[in-house]
Protein backbone atom coordinates (compact mmCIF):
# COMPACT_ATOMS: atom_id res chain seq x y z
CA UNK A 1 26.21 46.41 -8.13
CA UNK A 2 23.39 47.50 -6.01
CA UNK A 3 21.36 45.95 -3.39
CA UNK A 4 17.81 45.90 -2.84
CA UNK A 5 16.29 46.41 0.54
CA UNK A 6 12.86 44.80 0.46
CA UNK A 7 10.29 45.54 3.22
CA UNK A 8 6.78 44.03 3.55
CA UNK A 9 4.31 46.55 4.26
CA UNK A 10 0.89 44.92 3.85
CA UNK A 11 -0.44 41.33 5.09
CA UNK A 12 -0.54 38.38 3.04
CA UNK A 13 -4.15 37.65 3.81
CA UNK A 14 -5.90 37.35 0.57
CA UNK A 15 -3.12 36.99 -1.74
CA UNK A 16 -2.70 34.17 -4.16
CA UNK A 17 -0.58 31.04 -3.30
CA UNK A 18 1.88 32.19 -6.04
CA UNK A 19 2.14 35.60 -4.12
CA UNK A 20 2.61 33.83 -0.61
CA UNK A 21 5.28 31.50 -2.23
CA UNK A 22 7.10 34.75 -3.83
CA UNK A 23 7.24 36.70 -0.22
CA UNK A 24 8.55 33.30 1.34
CA UNK A 25 11.24 33.14 -1.36
CA UNK A 26 11.95 36.71 -0.71
CA UNK A 27 12.35 35.81 3.06
CA UNK A 28 9.41 37.92 4.20
CA UNK A 29 7.02 36.34 6.44
CA UNK A 30 5.76 39.27 8.74
CA UNK A 31 4.91 42.66 8.13
CA UNK A 32 7.41 45.24 8.65
CA UNK A 33 10.33 42.23 7.99
CA UNK A 34 12.87 43.49 5.61
CA UNK A 35 15.20 41.41 3.54
CA UNK A 36 18.27 42.39 1.34
CA UNK A 37 18.87 40.84 -1.91
CA UNK A 38 21.16 41.83 -5.02
CA UNK A 39 19.78 43.67 -7.66
CA UNK A 40 19.16 40.83 -10.43
CA UNK A 41 16.36 39.73 -12.87
CA UNK A 42 14.86 36.84 -10.75
CA UNK A 43 14.56 39.11 -7.95
CA UNK A 44 13.20 41.88 -9.61
CA UNK A 45 10.31 39.37 -11.48
CA UNK A 46 9.46 38.29 -7.58
CA UNK A 47 9.06 41.77 -6.48
CA UNK A 48 6.79 42.74 -9.58
CA UNK A 49 4.50 39.96 -8.50
CA UNK A 50 3.91 41.17 -5.03
CA UNK A 51 4.84 44.93 -5.51
CA UNK A 52 1.69 45.99 -3.95
CA UNK A 53 2.81 44.15 -0.69
CA UNK A 54 6.06 45.52 -0.51
CA UNK A 55 8.32 48.70 -0.61
CA UNK A 56 11.47 48.37 -2.13
CA UNK A 57 14.72 50.76 -1.63
CA UNK A 58 17.73 50.65 -3.57
CA UNK A 59 21.09 50.62 -1.82
CA UNK A 60 24.57 50.63 -2.79
CA UNK A 61 27.00 48.05 -1.44
CA UNK A 62 29.57 49.72 1.24
CA UNK A 63 31.95 46.27 1.35
CA UNK A 64 32.07 46.20 -2.22
CA UNK A 65 33.50 49.62 -2.77
CA UNK A 66 36.07 49.08 -0.02
CA UNK A 67 36.95 45.74 -1.59
CA UNK A 68 37.28 47.33 -5.19
CA UNK A 69 40.71 48.77 -4.74
CA UNK A 70 42.08 45.85 -3.34
CA UNK A 71 40.79 43.65 -5.96
CA UNK A 72 42.36 46.03 -8.40
CA UNK A 73 45.62 45.77 -6.73
CA UNK A 74 45.46 42.15 -6.92
CA UNK A 75 44.50 41.74 -10.61
CA UNK A 76 47.12 44.17 -11.35
CA UNK A 77 49.99 41.86 -9.52
CA UNK A 78 48.81 38.93 -11.27
CA UNK A 79 48.86 40.70 -14.74
CA UNK A 80 52.59 41.43 -14.03
CA UNK A 81 53.44 38.07 -12.58
CA UNK A 82 51.94 35.84 -15.76
CA UNK A 83 54.13 37.43 -18.54
CA UNK A 84 57.31 36.75 -16.22
CA UNK A 85 55.93 32.71 -15.77
CA UNK A 86 55.04 32.39 -19.36
CA UNK A 87 58.29 33.85 -20.53
CA UNK A 88 60.45 31.24 -18.38
CA UNK A 89 58.26 28.20 -19.51
CA UNK A 90 60.00 26.27 -22.24
CA UNK A 91 58.15 25.62 -25.21
CA UNK A 92 59.94 22.43 -26.03
CA UNK A 93 58.17 20.39 -23.57
CA UNK A 94 54.59 20.88 -24.94
CA UNK A 95 53.12 17.64 -26.01
CA UNK A 96 51.68 17.59 -29.76
CA UNK A 97 47.78 17.54 -29.70
CA UNK A 98 47.72 14.16 -31.32
CA UNK A 99 49.34 12.44 -27.98
CA UNK A 100 46.88 14.48 -25.84
CA UNK A 101 43.56 13.32 -27.46
CA UNK A 102 43.37 9.39 -26.43
CA UNK A 103 40.54 7.44 -28.10
CA UNK A 104 37.99 6.02 -25.75
CA UNK A 105 36.91 2.56 -26.55
CA UNK A 106 33.38 2.32 -28.32
CA UNK A 107 30.88 1.11 -25.77
CA UNK A 108 29.19 -2.06 -26.04
CA UNK A 109 25.48 -2.33 -27.46
CA UNK A 110 23.47 -4.43 -25.31
CA UNK A 111 23.00 -8.15 -27.04
CA UNK A 112 19.67 -8.49 -28.87
CA UNK A 113 17.38 -10.77 -27.10
CA UNK A 114 16.76 -14.11 -28.70
CA UNK A 115 12.89 -14.45 -29.66
CA UNK A 116 12.17 -17.95 -28.62
CA UNK A 117 8.58 -19.27 -29.32
CA UNK A 118 6.40 -20.89 -26.89
CA UNK A 119 4.93 -24.02 -27.15
CA UNK A 120 1.42 -22.43 -27.98
CA UNK A 121 2.97 -20.48 -30.71
CA UNK A 122 4.55 -23.63 -32.65
C-alpha cells in the first residue's frame, strides 16, 4: 500500500474553520511541515478540502516490501501446519449443536406501577 507525504505550503490564515480542523487532523500546523499517512479514502477526503494549501507526494512503503517475503513464508508455513493438526484431531469428541446452545432465561419485565388515587381525585 502506498503512503502519502503531505506538506503544507500555504498559510492557514484566511482558511475556514473546517479547513483548519482538517489541517490539524492531518498533523500540519506550520508552513513546510510534512506528515505521512496511509493512502485511504478518509485521508484523501481531508486532502481534497485543503488541496490549495498542501502538496501531496505518493511514496511506496519500503518496510512493507521487505516484510512481504517474510509474511509470505509465514503464511506458507501455517498452511502446511493446519492440515496436519486437523487430521490428528478426533471427530468423535465434537459436541452436538443442541448441547452447545444454552437457553438464556428470559429477562424480567419491570413491574407495572400501581395507580393510586389521591384524596383530591376521589
